[in-house]
Protein backbone atom coordinates (compact mmCIF):
# COMPACT_ATOMS: atom_id res chain seq x y z
CA MET A 1 -6.83 -7.66 -23.51
CA ARG A 2 -4.73 -6.07 -20.73
CA ILE A 3 -6.71 -5.33 -17.57
CA VAL A 4 -5.34 -3.45 -14.58
CA MET A 5 -7.30 -3.99 -11.36
CA VAL A 6 -6.88 -1.39 -8.63
CA THR A 7 -7.88 -2.04 -5.02
CA ASP A 8 -7.10 -0.58 -1.61
CA TYR A 9 -7.26 -4.00 0.02
CA TYR A 10 -4.18 -6.11 0.59
CA LEU A 11 -4.42 -8.99 -1.87
CA PRO A 12 -3.08 -11.94 0.19
CA THR A 13 -5.43 -11.33 3.13
CA LEU A 14 -8.71 -13.10 3.81
CA GLY A 15 -11.45 -10.76 2.63
CA GLY A 16 -14.26 -10.68 0.11
CA VAL A 17 -12.78 -8.05 -2.21
CA GLN A 18 -9.36 -9.69 -2.18
CA THR A 19 -10.88 -13.09 -2.89
CA LEU A 20 -12.94 -11.75 -5.78
CA VAL A 21 -9.98 -9.93 -7.34
CA LYS A 22 -8.03 -13.19 -7.23
CA ALA A 23 -10.98 -15.01 -8.82
CA HIS A 24 -11.28 -12.43 -11.60
CA LYS A 25 -7.54 -12.57 -12.23
CA GLU A 26 -7.36 -16.34 -12.49
CA ALA A 27 -10.42 -16.69 -14.73
CA LEU A 28 -9.35 -13.88 -17.06
CA GLU A 29 -5.81 -15.22 -17.34
CA ARG A 30 -7.10 -18.70 -18.15
CA ALA A 31 -9.16 -17.07 -20.91
CA GLY A 32 -5.95 -15.64 -22.39
CA HIS A 33 -6.00 -12.10 -21.02
CA THR A 34 -3.28 -10.24 -19.10
CA VAL A 35 -4.21 -9.02 -15.61
CA VAL A 36 -2.19 -6.74 -13.34
CA VAL A 37 -3.33 -6.01 -9.77
CA ALA A 38 -2.28 -2.77 -8.05
CA CYS A 39 -2.80 -2.77 -4.29
CA PRO A 40 -1.06 -1.88 -1.02
CA LEU A 41 1.22 -4.64 0.25
CA ALA A 42 2.37 -5.36 3.78
CA GLU A 43 5.45 -7.09 2.39
CA PRO A 44 7.07 -7.34 -1.06
CA SER A 45 5.49 -9.66 -3.63
CA ALA A 46 7.49 -11.91 -5.93
CA ASP A 47 4.59 -11.91 -8.41
CA PRO A 48 5.46 -9.55 -11.30
CA SER A 49 1.74 -9.08 -12.04
CA VAL A 50 1.18 -7.44 -8.62
CA VAL A 51 2.09 -3.75 -8.35
CA ALA A 52 2.72 -2.43 -4.83
CA LEU A 53 1.03 0.87 -4.04
CA PRO A 54 2.77 3.10 -1.47
CA ILE A 55 1.51 2.73 2.10
CA SER A 56 1.34 4.88 5.20
CA PRO A 57 3.94 3.95 7.84
CA VAL A 58 1.58 4.82 10.70
CA PHE A 59 -2.05 4.50 9.59
CA ASN A 60 -3.44 0.97 9.09
CA PRO A 61 -7.18 0.80 9.81
CA ASP A 62 -8.41 -2.69 10.67
CA GLY A 63 -4.81 -3.90 10.49
CA TYR A 64 -4.60 -3.52 6.71
CA PRO A 65 -1.95 -1.39 4.98
CA PHE A 66 -3.38 1.98 3.90
CA THR A 67 -2.51 3.49 0.51
CA TRP A 68 -0.69 6.80 0.99
CA PRO A 69 0.52 9.36 -0.06
CA TYR A 70 -1.81 10.29 -2.89
CA ALA A 71 0.69 11.95 -5.27
CA ARG A 72 3.07 9.00 -5.11
CA THR A 73 0.14 6.61 -5.67
CA GLU A 74 -0.79 8.45 -8.86
CA GLN A 75 2.80 8.21 -10.03
CA VAL A 76 2.95 4.45 -9.48
CA LEU A 77 -0.37 3.92 -11.22
CA ARG A 78 0.61 6.09 -14.16
CA GLU A 79 3.38 3.60 -14.85
CA ALA A 80 1.21 0.54 -14.16
CA LEU A 81 -1.60 1.67 -16.48
CA ILE A 82 0.59 2.08 -19.57
CA ASP A 83 -0.95 0.04 -22.42
CA ALA A 84 -3.95 -0.99 -20.30
CA ASP A 85 -7.16 -1.65 -22.23
CA ILE A 86 -9.42 -1.56 -19.17
CA VAL A 87 -8.99 -0.26 -15.63
CA HIS A 88 -11.20 -2.10 -13.13
CA VAL A 89 -11.43 -0.44 -9.70
CA HIS A 90 -12.51 -2.45 -6.64
CA SER A 91 -12.55 0.05 -3.76
CA GLU A 92 -13.25 3.68 -2.82
CA MET A 93 -10.20 4.80 -0.87
CA ILE A 94 -6.95 6.54 -1.92
CA GLY A 95 -5.75 3.92 -4.40
CA ALA A 96 -9.15 3.82 -6.06
CA ILE A 97 -9.35 7.60 -6.39
CA ALA A 98 -5.88 7.71 -7.96
CA GLY A 99 -6.72 4.82 -10.28
CA LEU A 100 -9.86 6.55 -11.52
CA ARG A 101 -8.08 9.84 -12.10
CA VAL A 102 -5.11 8.35 -13.92
CA ALA A 103 -7.36 6.17 -16.10
CA ARG A 104 -9.45 9.19 -17.05
CA GLU A 105 -6.28 11.20 -17.76
CA LEU A 106 -4.99 8.43 -20.05
CA GLY A 107 -8.34 7.87 -21.74
CA ILE A 108 -8.68 4.26 -20.56
CA PRO A 109 -12.23 2.88 -20.05
CA ILE A 110 -13.10 2.48 -16.35
CA VAL A 111 -15.13 -0.25 -14.68
CA GLN A 112 -16.03 0.24 -11.01
CA THR A 113 -17.27 -2.65 -8.87
CA MET A 114 -19.22 -1.44 -5.85
CA HIS A 115 -18.56 -4.18 -3.30
CA GLY A 116 -20.29 -2.94 -0.18
CA ARG A 117 -21.37 -0.27 2.22
CA ILE A 118 -18.38 1.91 3.02
CA ASP A 119 -20.68 4.10 5.13
CA VAL A 120 -20.96 1.19 7.57
CA TYR A 121 -17.33 0.13 7.14
CA THR A 122 -15.85 3.55 7.91
CA ALA A 123 -18.18 4.05 10.86
CA SER A 124 -17.03 0.72 12.31
CA VAL A 125 -13.33 0.69 11.44
CA LEU A 126 -11.87 4.19 11.23
CA PRO A 127 -10.85 5.90 14.47
CA LEU A 128 -13.19 8.84 15.22
CA PRO A 129 -15.04 8.30 11.91
CA SER A 130 -17.07 11.51 12.17
CA VAL A 131 -13.72 13.33 12.01
CA THR A 132 -11.42 11.04 10.00
CA THR A 133 -13.86 10.66 7.10
CA ILE A 134 -13.80 14.43 6.54
CA PRO A 135 -10.30 14.51 4.94
CA LEU A 136 -11.14 11.39 2.92
CA ALA A 137 -14.31 13.03 1.60
CA TRP A 138 -12.43 16.28 0.97
CA LEU A 139 -9.72 14.53 -1.04
CA HIS A 140 -12.34 12.53 -2.94
CA ARG A 141 -14.29 15.70 -3.77
CA ARG A 142 -11.12 17.40 -5.01
CA ARG A 143 -10.34 14.56 -7.42
CA ILE A 144 -13.78 13.18 -8.32
CA PRO A 145 -16.63 15.60 -9.18
CA HIS A 146 -19.36 15.55 -6.52
CA VAL A 147 -22.48 16.35 -8.48
CA ALA A 148 -25.16 13.90 -7.35
CA PRO A 149 -26.83 14.90 -4.07
CA ILE A 150 -27.89 12.29 -1.52
CA ALA A 151 -31.58 11.83 -0.85
CA GLY A 152 -32.64 11.84 2.77
CA GLY A 153 -35.40 9.82 4.31
CA GLU A 154 -33.72 6.40 4.17
CA ARG A 155 -32.59 4.63 7.30
CA PHE A 156 -29.13 4.13 5.79
CA THR A 157 -28.71 7.86 5.06
CA SER A 158 -30.05 9.13 8.38
CA THR A 159 -26.71 10.41 9.74
CA ARG A 160 -24.30 13.05 8.46
CA LEU A 161 -21.50 10.48 8.33
CA ALA A 162 -23.62 8.07 6.27
CA ARG A 163 -24.62 10.79 3.81
CA ARG A 164 -20.97 11.84 3.47
CA MET A 165 -19.95 8.31 2.50
CA TRP A 166 -22.96 7.72 0.24
CA ARG A 167 -22.09 10.93 -1.58
CA LEU A 168 -18.60 9.51 -2.11
CA MET A 169 -19.93 6.14 -3.35
CA VAL A 170 -22.53 7.57 -5.72
CA ASN A 171 -20.25 10.16 -7.30
CA GLN A 172 -17.45 7.65 -7.71
CA ALA A 173 -19.84 5.27 -9.46
CA ASN A 174 -20.95 8.07 -11.76
CA TYR A 175 -17.31 8.88 -12.61
CA ALA A 176 -16.84 5.36 -14.02
CA ASP A 177 -17.87 4.31 -17.51
CA HIS A 178 -19.63 1.20 -16.21
CA VAL A 179 -20.57 -0.04 -12.74
CA ILE A 180 -20.76 -3.68 -11.64
CA VAL A 181 -22.72 -4.61 -8.53
CA PRO A 182 -22.85 -8.23 -7.33
CA SER A 183 -26.40 -8.04 -5.95
CA ALA A 184 -29.71 -6.50 -6.98
CA HIS A 185 -30.47 -5.22 -3.47
CA PHE A 186 -27.34 -3.04 -3.38
CA ALA A 187 -27.85 -1.97 -7.00
CA ALA A 188 -31.32 -0.71 -6.09
CA LYS A 189 -29.91 1.38 -3.23
CA LEU A 190 -27.27 2.90 -5.51
CA ARG A 191 -29.83 3.72 -8.20
CA GLY A 192 -32.11 5.20 -5.59
CA GLN A 193 -29.34 7.50 -4.39
CA GLY A 194 -28.48 8.80 -7.84
CA VAL A 195 -26.17 6.43 -9.72
CA THR A 196 -26.73 7.08 -13.43
CA SER A 197 -23.76 5.26 -15.01
CA PRO A 198 -24.58 2.07 -16.93
CA LEU A 199 -24.91 -0.64 -14.28
CA THR A 200 -24.72 -4.41 -14.50
CA VAL A 201 -25.71 -6.78 -11.70
CA LEU A 202 -23.16 -9.57 -11.98
CA SER A 203 -22.76 -12.19 -9.30
CA ASN A 204 -19.33 -12.88 -7.84
CA GLY A 205 -17.76 -16.26 -8.43
CA LEU A 206 -15.02 -18.63 -7.26
CA GLU A 207 -11.95 -19.44 -9.30
CA ASP A 208 -11.19 -22.98 -10.44
CA SER A 209 -8.25 -23.35 -8.04
CA VAL A 210 -10.70 -22.85 -5.16
CA LEU A 211 -13.32 -25.19 -6.57
CA ASP A 212 -10.64 -27.85 -7.03
CA GLN A 213 -10.11 -27.80 -3.26
CA LEU A 214 -13.81 -28.40 -2.68
CA THR A 215 -14.17 -31.53 -4.78
CA GLY A 216 -15.63 -34.47 -2.95
CA ALA A 217 -18.10 -32.36 -0.93
CA ARG A 218 -20.82 -34.54 0.58
CA PRO A 219 -24.21 -33.77 2.18
CA ARG A 220 -23.82 -32.91 5.85
CA VAL A 221 -25.12 -35.41 8.38
CA PRO A 222 -24.78 -33.97 11.91
CA ASP A 223 -23.71 -36.59 14.46
CA GLY A 224 -25.73 -35.40 17.43
CA GLY A 225 -24.23 -31.94 17.71
CA LEU A 226 -23.83 -28.94 15.46
CA ARG A 227 -20.47 -27.63 14.26
CA VAL A 228 -20.80 -23.98 13.28
CA MET A 229 -18.36 -22.08 11.05
CA TRP A 230 -17.95 -18.28 10.88
CA CYS A 231 -15.45 -16.56 8.61
CA GLY A 232 -14.68 -12.93 7.82
CA ARG A 233 -13.13 -9.76 9.11
CA VAL A 234 -13.51 -9.87 12.90
CA SER A 235 -14.76 -6.32 12.98
CA PRO A 236 -17.78 -4.51 14.48
CA GLU A 237 -19.71 -4.30 11.20
CA LYS A 238 -19.55 -8.11 10.89
CA ARG A 239 -21.07 -8.52 14.41
CA PRO A 240 -19.15 -11.64 15.56
CA GLU A 241 -20.47 -11.08 19.10
CA VAL A 242 -23.96 -12.09 17.90
CA LEU A 243 -22.75 -15.64 17.27
CA ILE A 244 -20.94 -15.83 20.62
CA GLU A 245 -24.00 -14.60 22.51
CA ALA A 246 -26.17 -17.10 20.60
CA LEU A 247 -23.83 -19.98 21.54
CA ALA A 248 -24.29 -19.08 25.21
CA GLN A 249 -28.01 -19.85 24.82
CA LEU A 250 -27.44 -23.29 23.29
CA PRO A 251 -26.38 -26.68 24.68
CA GLY A 252 -22.74 -27.71 24.77
CA SER A 253 -23.13 -29.92 21.69
CA VAL A 254 -23.14 -26.76 19.55
CA THR A 255 -19.58 -25.56 18.92
CA ALA A 256 -18.12 -22.84 16.70
CA ASP A 257 -14.93 -22.04 14.80
CA LEU A 258 -14.23 -18.43 13.79
CA TYR A 259 -11.70 -17.66 11.05
CA GLY A 260 -10.25 -14.20 10.46
CA GLU A 261 -8.76 -11.28 12.31
CA GLY A 262 -9.63 -7.64 12.84
CA LEU A 263 -10.34 -4.86 15.30
CA ALA A 264 -12.88 -6.88 17.28
CA LEU A 265 -10.75 -9.97 17.78
CA ALA A 266 -9.61 -9.08 21.31
CA ALA A 267 -13.13 -8.06 22.35
CA THR A 268 -14.51 -11.31 20.91
CA ARG A 269 -11.95 -13.32 22.86
CA ARG A 270 -12.89 -11.50 26.07
CA LEU A 271 -16.60 -12.15 25.44
CA ILE A 272 -15.91 -15.86 24.96
CA GLY A 273 -14.12 -15.96 28.30
CA ARG A 274 -16.77 -13.92 30.09
CA LEU A 275 -19.54 -16.25 28.88
CA GLY A 276 -17.56 -19.38 29.77
CA LEU A 277 -17.37 -20.62 26.18
CA ALA A 278 -13.62 -21.19 25.88
CA GLY A 279 -14.13 -24.93 25.41
CA ARG A 280 -16.74 -24.50 22.67
CA VAL A 281 -15.51 -21.59 20.57
CA ARG A 282 -12.17 -21.52 18.77
CA LEU A 283 -10.67 -18.36 17.31
CA HIS A 284 -8.29 -19.29 14.50
CA GLY A 285 -7.26 -15.77 13.45
CA ALA A 286 -5.81 -15.19 9.99
CA VAL A 287 -5.24 -18.46 8.15
CA PRO A 288 -4.52 -19.43 4.53
CA GLN A 289 -7.55 -19.70 2.27
CA SER A 290 -6.84 -23.42 1.91
CA GLU A 291 -7.54 -23.87 5.63
CA VAL A 292 -10.83 -22.00 5.33
CA LEU A 293 -11.87 -24.20 2.41
CA ALA A 294 -10.94 -27.36 4.32
CA ALA A 295 -13.00 -26.11 7.27
CA SER A 296 -16.02 -25.54 5.03
CA LEU A 297 -15.98 -29.25 4.25
CA ASP A 298 -15.75 -30.17 7.94
CA HIS A 299 -18.64 -28.22 9.52
CA ASP A 300 -22.40 -28.60 9.61
CA VAL A 301 -23.53 -24.98 9.25
CA PHE A 302 -22.09 -21.64 8.14
CA VAL A 303 -23.34 -18.56 9.99
CA SER A 304 -23.27 -14.97 8.72
CA THR A 305 -24.04 -12.43 11.44
CA SER A 306 -23.54 -9.40 9.20
CA TYR A 307 -26.60 -7.18 8.91
CA ASP A 308 -27.27 -4.25 6.55
CA PHE A 309 -23.66 -4.18 5.42
CA ASP A 310 -22.51 -6.99 3.15
CA ASN A 311 -23.32 -7.19 -0.52
CA GLN A 312 -22.47 -10.74 -1.56
CA PRO A 313 -19.85 -12.29 0.75
CA MET A 314 -17.38 -14.56 -1.00
CA VAL A 315 -17.37 -16.88 2.02
CA ILE A 316 -21.04 -17.60 1.35
CA LEU A 317 -20.16 -18.62 -2.21
CA GLU A 318 -17.52 -20.94 -0.74
CA ALA A 319 -20.18 -22.40 1.55
CA ILE A 320 -22.48 -22.97 -1.43
CA ALA A 321 -19.75 -24.71 -3.42
CA SER A 322 -18.90 -26.95 -0.46
CA GLY A 323 -22.52 -27.83 0.33
CA LEU A 324 -22.39 -26.12 3.72
CA PRO A 325 -25.87 -24.94 4.85
CA VAL A 326 -26.06 -21.22 5.55
CA VAL A 327 -27.81 -19.27 8.31
CA ILE A 328 -28.03 -15.52 7.63
CA SER A 329 -29.05 -12.58 9.82
CA ASP A 330 -29.64 -10.31 6.81
CA PRO A 331 -32.38 -11.61 4.49
CA ASP A 332 -30.93 -9.58 1.59
CA LEU A 333 -28.01 -12.02 1.45
CA GLY A 334 -30.39 -14.83 0.51
CA GLU A 335 -30.56 -13.40 -3.00
CA SER A 336 -27.46 -15.32 -4.10
CA ILE A 337 -28.06 -18.59 -2.20
CA PRO A 338 -29.96 -21.45 -3.87
CA ASP A 339 -33.47 -22.03 -2.57
CA GLY A 340 -33.58 -24.59 0.21
CA GLY A 341 -29.92 -24.08 1.09
CA PHE A 342 -30.31 -21.34 3.70
CA VAL A 343 -32.45 -19.98 6.48
CA ALA A 344 -32.75 -16.37 7.62
CA THR A 345 -33.26 -15.55 11.27
CA ALA A 346 -36.50 -13.82 12.24
CA GLU A 347 -34.53 -10.86 13.61
CA PRO A 348 -30.84 -9.87 13.46
CA THR A 349 -30.37 -10.75 17.14
CA ALA A 350 -28.45 -13.37 19.09
CA THR A 351 -31.71 -14.76 20.47
CA ALA A 352 -33.15 -15.24 16.99
CA LEU A 353 -29.92 -16.87 15.80
CA ALA A 354 -29.92 -19.21 18.80
CA ALA A 355 -33.51 -20.21 18.02
CA GLU A 356 -32.64 -21.06 14.41
CA LEU A 357 -29.54 -23.04 15.38
CA ARG A 358 -31.54 -24.96 17.98
CA ARG A 359 -34.08 -25.93 15.30
CA LEU A 360 -31.27 -27.24 13.11
CA LEU A 361 -29.76 -29.09 16.07
CA ASP A 362 -33.10 -30.76 16.77
CA THR A 363 -33.77 -31.63 13.11
CA PRO A 364 -30.48 -32.87 11.62
CA GLU A 365 -32.35 -34.17 8.59
CA ARG A 366 -33.08 -30.53 7.70
CA VAL A 367 -29.35 -29.79 7.68
CA THR A 368 -28.83 -32.68 5.27
CA ALA A 369 -31.65 -31.47 2.99
CA MET A 370 -30.17 -27.95 2.92
CA SER A 371 -26.77 -29.36 2.08
CA ARG A 372 -28.20 -31.40 -0.80
CA ALA A 373 -29.95 -28.31 -2.18
CA LEU A 374 -26.65 -26.42 -2.26
CA LEU A 375 -24.68 -29.26 -3.86
CA ALA A 376 -27.32 -29.55 -6.58
CA ASP A 377 -26.59 -25.95 -7.63
CA ALA A 378 -22.95 -25.59 -6.57
CA GLY A 379 -21.80 -24.82 -10.12
CA GLY A 380 -23.54 -21.45 -9.93
CA ALA A 381 -20.81 -20.25 -7.55
CA ALA A 382 -18.07 -20.69 -10.15
CA GLN A 383 -16.27 -17.63 -11.51
CA GLN A 384 -16.28 -19.28 -14.93
CA THR A 385 -20.08 -19.14 -14.87
CA HIS A 386 -19.92 -15.33 -14.71
CA LEU A 387 -16.84 -14.72 -16.86
CA ASP A 388 -18.86 -14.09 -20.01
CA GLY A 389 -20.77 -11.32 -18.26
CA LEU A 390 -17.57 -9.65 -17.10
CA LEU A 391 -16.00 -9.84 -20.56
CA ALA A 392 -19.20 -8.48 -22.11
CA VAL A 393 -18.84 -5.35 -19.96
CA TYR A 394 -15.20 -4.93 -20.97
CA ARG A 395 -15.83 -5.53 -24.66
CA GLY A 396 -18.84 -3.23 -24.69
CA LEU A 397 -16.71 -0.38 -23.37
CA LEU A 398 -13.94 -1.02 -25.86
CA ALA A 399 -16.44 -1.15 -28.72
CA SER A 400 -18.05 2.11 -27.61
CA ARG A 401 -14.65 3.76 -27.39
CA SER A 402 -13.60 2.59 -30.87
CA ASN A 403 -16.91 3.77 -32.38
CA ALA A 404 -16.77 7.20 -30.74
């Protein structure tokens, strides 16, 4: 089987979509399939299975290369999709739109994974989002039929910008032949807003090359302090400031390491200085995935401050596989974490996070118990565990096409 995966996110960077695409690619290739990834690149790739999409020379939201122009993108993808059996799209921007259109033109079955809330992402990352999302929505509407309306009355569709992006998400999902969603909570929102395409809830997973770097994980035994790890796009929708403000309410024995870069990195650095936390909080910026994995074996707790945005963060799966206890601000994210391996804060605030971290600091045996619970079920985070489900979606589409 030849699968072409299309994404608007730069593959080598640290990010959930990028990490999942790499996991899919490795697992599928080990199973004997051919996988090509088409994505924007900040620099040339020596990997012949990676196709570079054209990028804008001036527009790079959140520091990532942005796929543009549209016509040239379609041209590149038309060449890349020759002889493809399946096209699997992993985003909703320009590259994704072009991938969907070209696949439909060529009669290739389309799978669309809905990774997260682009209504929140665009509001947080794009400059003047109430204005800049208008041309994106216009281009999307020109290429992808916008039939499904968006129901009002939900907190997440309460603004015009949110409804504009939900309309984009729902209609794109309905343009695909099959939709994959990594979590039931996001699947329910999509269904509630009008997604009618066949939909499979299929958890993300980690590739073997990642799991190999996490061998030897042991239960955490804090040594009198608490070493906190945070990893992700340092961007407003991820709310890194919540962790920094929580640290300011805790004793000096609680320290934190933040991995990643993004629009909020400078503001986060200023907040650390303003609160006098320079000696307790380290900003590592963009680092290789191997360094993130090593860090997950060397901390006591992983903290996710994201709220009402993420679907199923890959960094949480890495924490599970490494036996690193997880503290979440969004209770929806607990869906994919083994029971006993996480705690959710009472509210998505810095004060509530500080209270939960203080409890863990005062009861180190609880940290150890959480770590043991994760290690007992760490195999559930493996991509191989979910490969059969992914292949079942692909094969079902191919069978339907051959029987039509």
